[in-house]
Amino acid sequence: MKNEFVTVEKDGEIAVLALNRPDKRNASSIRVRDEVEKCLGELEEDENVKVVIITGVGSAFWLDSTLTNSKSRTKSIRSLSTKVLSASFKGF
């Protein structure tokens, strides 16, 4: 499945994961979270990638209010944050 809201570009050992939903100020949703998790998983498996930079297209990095409206989703945000840190520091 092609990503709708996340792009990934690789240049040697560096990968750039970009949230690409500028019309919504990169607001998160279940779909965005799923795409980020999928991409981070793929990057974690890539032996060549040592650094993952996460950025947002447009004027906002990541607006997560759509996820934080539910207590049940707070755990998902913490889990995703752990994956982001894990993928970001892979190889160090």
C-alpha atoms as a PDB file:
ATOM      1  CA  MET A   1       0.000   0.000   0.000  1.00  0.00           C
ATOM      2  CA  LYS A   2       1.342   3.422  -0.982  1.00  0.00           C
ATOM      3  CA  ASN A   3       1.602   5.992   1.776  1.00  0.00           C
ATOM      4  CA  GLU A   4      -0.802   8.889   1.516  1.00  0.00           C
ATOM      5  CA  PHE A   5       0.550  11.140   4.283  1.00  0.00           C
ATOM      6  CA  VAL A   6       4.178  10.091   4.817  1.00  0.00           C
ATOM      7  CA  THR A   7       7.165  10.187   2.480  1.00  0.00           C
ATOM      8  CA  VAL A   8      10.580   8.634   2.988  1.00  0.00           C
ATOM      9  CA  GLU A   9      13.764   9.590   1.184  1.00  0.00           C
ATOM     10  CA  LYS A  10      17.119   7.911   1.748  1.00  0.00           C
ATOM     11  CA  ASP A  11      20.584   9.249   1.086  1.00  0.00           C
ATOM     12  CA  GLY A  12      23.251   6.807   2.191  1.00  0.00           C
ATOM     13  CA  GLU A  13      22.955   6.233   5.948  1.00  0.00           C
ATOM     14  CA  ILE A  14      20.397   9.020   6.417  1.00  0.00           C
ATOM     15  CA  ALA A  15      16.637   8.692   5.939  1.00  0.00           C
ATOM     16  CA  VAL A  16      14.190  11.585   6.029  1.00  0.00           C
ATOM     17  CA  LEU A  17      10.635  10.736   7.002  1.00  0.00           C
ATOM     18  CA  ALA A  18       8.296  13.632   6.197  1.00  0.00           C
ATOM     19  CA  LEU A  19       4.725  14.070   7.333  1.00  0.00           C
ATOM     20  CA  ASN A  20       2.982  15.311   4.207  1.00  0.00           C
ATOM     21  CA  ARG A  21      -0.362  16.734   5.228  1.00  0.00           C
ATOM     22  CA  PRO A  22       0.329  20.489   5.148  1.00  0.00           C
ATOM     23  CA  ASP A  23      -3.289  21.462   4.480  1.00  0.00           C
ATOM     24  CA  LYS A  24      -4.095  20.053   7.953  1.00  0.00           C
ATOM     25  CA  ARG A  25      -0.834  21.337   9.522  1.00  0.00           C
ATOM     26  CA  ASN A  26       0.328  17.701   9.576  1.00  0.00           C
ATOM     27  CA  ALA A  27      -2.425  16.785  12.016  1.00  0.00           C
ATOM     28  CA  SER A  28      -2.124  13.229  13.132  1.00  0.00           C
ATOM     29  CA  SER A  29      -4.747  10.567  12.708  1.00  0.00           C
ATOM     30  CA  ILE A  30      -4.860   6.820  13.028  1.00  0.00           C
ATOM     31  CA  ARG A  31      -3.897   6.567   9.322  1.00  0.00           C
ATOM     32  CA  VAL A  32      -0.929   8.938   9.748  1.00  0.00           C
ATOM     33  CA  ARG A  33       0.244   7.055  12.845  1.00  0.00           C
ATOM     34  CA  ASP A  34      -0.044   3.735  11.025  1.00  0.00           C
ATOM     35  CA  GLU A  35       1.960   5.054   8.076  1.00  0.00           C
ATOM     36  CA  VAL A  36       4.671   6.456  10.377  1.00  0.00           C
ATOM     37  CA  GLU A  37       4.899   3.163  12.278  1.00  0.00           C
ATOM     38  CA  LYS A  38       5.101   1.180   9.032  1.00  0.00           C
ATOM     39  CA  CYS A  39       7.837   3.412   7.627  1.00  0.00           C
ATOM     40  CA  LEU A  40       9.830   3.392  10.869  1.00  0.00           C
ATOM     41  CA  GLY A  41       9.615  -0.394  10.941  1.00  0.00           C
ATOM     42  CA  GLU A  42      10.947  -0.601   7.389  1.00  0.00           C
ATOM     43  CA  LEU A  43      13.754   1.852   8.193  1.00  0.00           C
ATOM     44  CA  GLU A  44      14.674  -0.081  11.314  1.00  0.00           C
ATOM     45  CA  GLU A  45      15.101  -3.211   9.196  1.00  0.00           C
ATOM     46  CA  ASP A  46      17.317  -1.392   6.674  1.00  0.00           C
ATOM     47  CA  GLU A  47      20.921  -2.178   7.657  1.00  0.00           C
ATOM     48  CA  ASN A  48      22.183   0.846   5.691  1.00  0.00           C
ATOM     49  CA  VAL A  49      20.111   3.460   7.548  1.00  0.00           C
ATOM     50  CA  LYS A  50      21.801   4.806  10.689  1.00  0.00           C
ATOM     51  CA  VAL A  51      19.871   8.070  11.214  1.00  0.00           C
ATOM     52  CA  VAL A  52      16.209   8.937  10.737  1.00  0.00           C
ATOM     53  CA  ILE A  53      15.213  12.589  10.538  1.00  0.00           C
ATOM     54  CA  ILE A  54      11.520  13.258  11.037  1.00  0.00           C
ATOM     55  CA  THR A  55      10.113  16.472   9.634  1.00  0.00           C
ATOM     56  CA  GLY A  56       6.867  17.965   8.410  1.00  0.00           C
ATOM     57  CA  VAL A  57       5.988  19.521   5.066  1.00  0.00           C
ATOM     58  CA  GLY A  58       4.673  23.076   5.347  1.00  0.00           C
ATOM     59  CA  SER A  59       4.545  25.326   8.393  1.00  0.00           C
ATOM     60  CA  ALA A  60       3.946  22.690  11.080  1.00  0.00           C
ATOM     61  CA  PHE A  61       5.956  19.706  12.249  1.00  0.00           C
ATOM     62  CA  TRP A  62       3.219  17.482  13.697  1.00  0.00           C
ATOM     63  CA  LEU A  63      -0.085  18.404  15.265  1.00  0.00           C
ATOM     64  CA  ASP A  64      -1.266  15.459  17.352  1.00  0.00           C
ATOM     65  CA  SER A  65      -4.471  16.769  18.907  1.00  0.00           C
ATOM     66  CA  THR A  66      -6.547  14.249  16.966  1.00  0.00           C
ATOM     67  CA  LEU A  67      -4.739  11.444  18.791  1.00  0.00           C
ATOM     68  CA  THR A  68      -4.646  12.959  22.256  1.00  0.00           C
ATOM     69  CA  ASN A  69      -8.424  13.398  22.466  1.00  0.00           C
ATOM     70  CA  SER A  70      -8.759   9.820  23.696  1.00  0.00           C
ATOM     71  CA  LYS A  71      -7.125   8.265  26.755  1.00  0.00           C
ATOM     72  CA  SER A  72      -6.899   4.955  24.909  1.00  0.00           C
ATOM     73  CA  ARG A  73      -4.774   6.616  22.243  1.00  0.00           C
ATOM     74  CA  THR A  74      -2.265   8.080  24.712  1.00  0.00           C
ATOM     75  CA  LYS A  75      -0.582   4.683  24.943  1.00  0.00           C
ATOM     76  CA  SER A  76      -0.234   4.629  21.143  1.00  0.00           C
ATOM     77  CA  ILE A  77       1.473   8.022  21.195  1.00  0.00           C
ATOM     78  CA  ARG A  78       3.958   6.856  23.851  1.00  0.00           C
ATOM     79  CA  SER A  79       4.627   3.669  21.882  1.00  0.00           C
ATOM     80  CA  LEU A  80       5.192   5.650  18.706  1.00  0.00           C
ATOM     81  CA  SER A  81       7.535   8.056  20.521  1.00  0.00           C
ATOM     82  CA  THR A  82       9.596   5.090  21.704  1.00  0.00           C
ATOM     83  CA  LYS A  83       9.777   3.753  18.148  1.00  0.00           C
ATOM     84  CA  VAL A  84      10.836   7.170  16.864  1.00  0.00           C
ATOM     85  CA  LEU A  85      13.658   7.392  19.412  1.00  0.00           C
ATOM     86  CA  SER A  86      14.687   3.798  18.765  1.00  0.00           C
ATOM     87  CA  ALA A  87      14.813   4.302  15.013  1.00  0.00           C
ATOM     88  CA  SER A  88      16.522   7.689  15.359  1.00  0.00           C
ATOM     89  CA  PHE A  89      19.389   6.364  17.469  1.00  0.00           C
ATOM     90  CA  LYS A  90      19.832   3.065  15.650  1.00  0.00           C
ATOM     91  CA  GLY A  91      23.470   2.306  15.187  1.00  0.00           C
ATOM     92  CA  PHE A  92      24.765   4.515  18.008  1.00  0.00           C
END
